[in-house]
């Protein structure tokens, strides 16, 4: 699957208890982890990126570059 967007979901303190689970568990290991956390996905209006409906704010950007950083990739986006 080729991803052509980068996104960030900003959660407020009401959802702080969800952050460790969302950050530690990979969607590759647990498909549907957002639903498992009791949250919902909506599609962004511009690029159709999957965003967390309960997030205080979300940003979807066109993917510009991917930088390898050890065992992670850093996705760089721009608009």
Protein backbone atom coordinates (compact mmCIF):
# COMPACT_ATOMS: atom_id res chain seq x y z
CA UNK A 1 0.00 0.00 0.00
CA UNK A 2 1.43 3.39 -0.98
CA UNK A 3 0.53 6.16 1.46
CA UNK A 4 0.45 9.63 -0.05
CA UNK A 5 -0.35 11.60 3.08
CA UNK A 6 1.07 12.37 6.50
CA UNK A 7 -1.23 13.09 9.40
CA UNK A 8 -1.28 14.09 13.04
CA UNK A 9 -4.15 13.66 15.47
CA UNK A 10 -3.97 15.92 18.53
CA UNK A 11 -5.71 14.47 21.57
CA UNK A 12 -6.68 16.59 24.56
CA UNK A 13 -6.28 15.54 28.19
CA UNK A 14 -9.68 13.76 28.20
CA UNK A 15 -8.06 11.09 26.03
CA UNK A 16 -4.62 11.06 27.69
CA UNK A 17 -5.20 7.52 28.97
CA UNK A 18 -5.50 6.32 25.35
CA UNK A 19 -2.18 7.80 24.18
CA UNK A 20 0.18 5.08 25.48
CA UNK A 21 -1.86 2.33 23.82
CA UNK A 22 -2.12 4.22 20.54
CA UNK A 23 1.61 4.97 20.54
CA UNK A 24 2.87 1.58 21.68
CA UNK A 25 0.68 -0.79 19.65
CA UNK A 26 1.24 -0.99 15.91
CA UNK A 27 -1.74 -1.18 13.57
CA UNK A 28 0.23 -3.93 11.81
CA UNK A 29 0.11 -6.04 14.97
CA UNK A 30 -3.42 -5.12 16.05
CA UNK A 31 -5.58 -4.12 13.10
CA UNK A 32 -8.43 -1.97 14.37
CA UNK A 33 -6.50 -0.59 17.34
CA UNK A 34 -8.37 2.73 17.10
CA UNK A 35 -11.69 0.96 17.56
CA UNK A 36 -10.13 -1.20 20.30
CA UNK A 37 -9.26 2.05 22.11
CA UNK A 38 -12.91 3.11 21.91
CA UNK A 39 -12.29 5.76 19.26
CA UNK A 40 -13.64 6.27 15.76
CA UNK A 41 -12.06 6.98 12.38
CA UNK A 42 -13.32 9.61 9.95
CA UNK A 43 -11.79 10.43 6.58
CA UNK A 44 -10.16 13.82 6.11
CA UNK A 45 -11.90 16.21 3.75
CA UNK A 46 -8.84 17.06 1.66
CA UNK A 47 -6.80 13.86 1.20
CA UNK A 48 -9.08 11.25 2.75
CA UNK A 49 -6.53 10.46 5.46
CA UNK A 50 -7.86 8.41 8.40
CA UNK A 51 -8.34 10.81 11.32
CA UNK A 52 -9.50 10.18 14.88
CA UNK A 53 -13.02 11.63 15.19
CA UNK A 54 -12.59 12.43 18.91
CA UNK A 55 -9.31 14.36 18.38
CA UNK A 56 -9.32 18.05 19.30
CA UNK A 57 -7.51 18.79 16.05
CA UNK A 58 -6.15 16.82 13.13
CA UNK A 59 -3.84 17.76 10.30
CA UNK A 60 -3.56 15.95 6.98
CA UNK A 61 -0.63 16.83 4.73
CA UNK A 62 0.64 15.60 1.38
CA UNK A 63 3.56 13.23 1.91
CA UNK A 64 6.82 14.92 0.88
CA UNK A 65 9.48 12.51 2.12
CA UNK A 66 10.13 9.52 4.36
CA UNK A 67 13.29 9.53 6.48
CA UNK A 68 14.57 6.27 7.95
CA UNK A 69 15.44 6.69 11.64
CA UNK A 70 16.58 3.39 13.14
CA UNK A 71 13.57 1.14 13.58
CA UNK A 72 11.12 3.93 12.70
CA UNK A 73 10.31 6.02 9.67
CA UNK A 74 9.65 9.74 9.95
CA UNK A 75 7.00 10.98 7.53
CA UNK A 76 7.41 14.58 6.35
CA UNK A 77 4.41 16.36 5.00
CA UNK A 78 3.62 19.71 3.46
CA UNK A 79 0.63 21.52 2.20
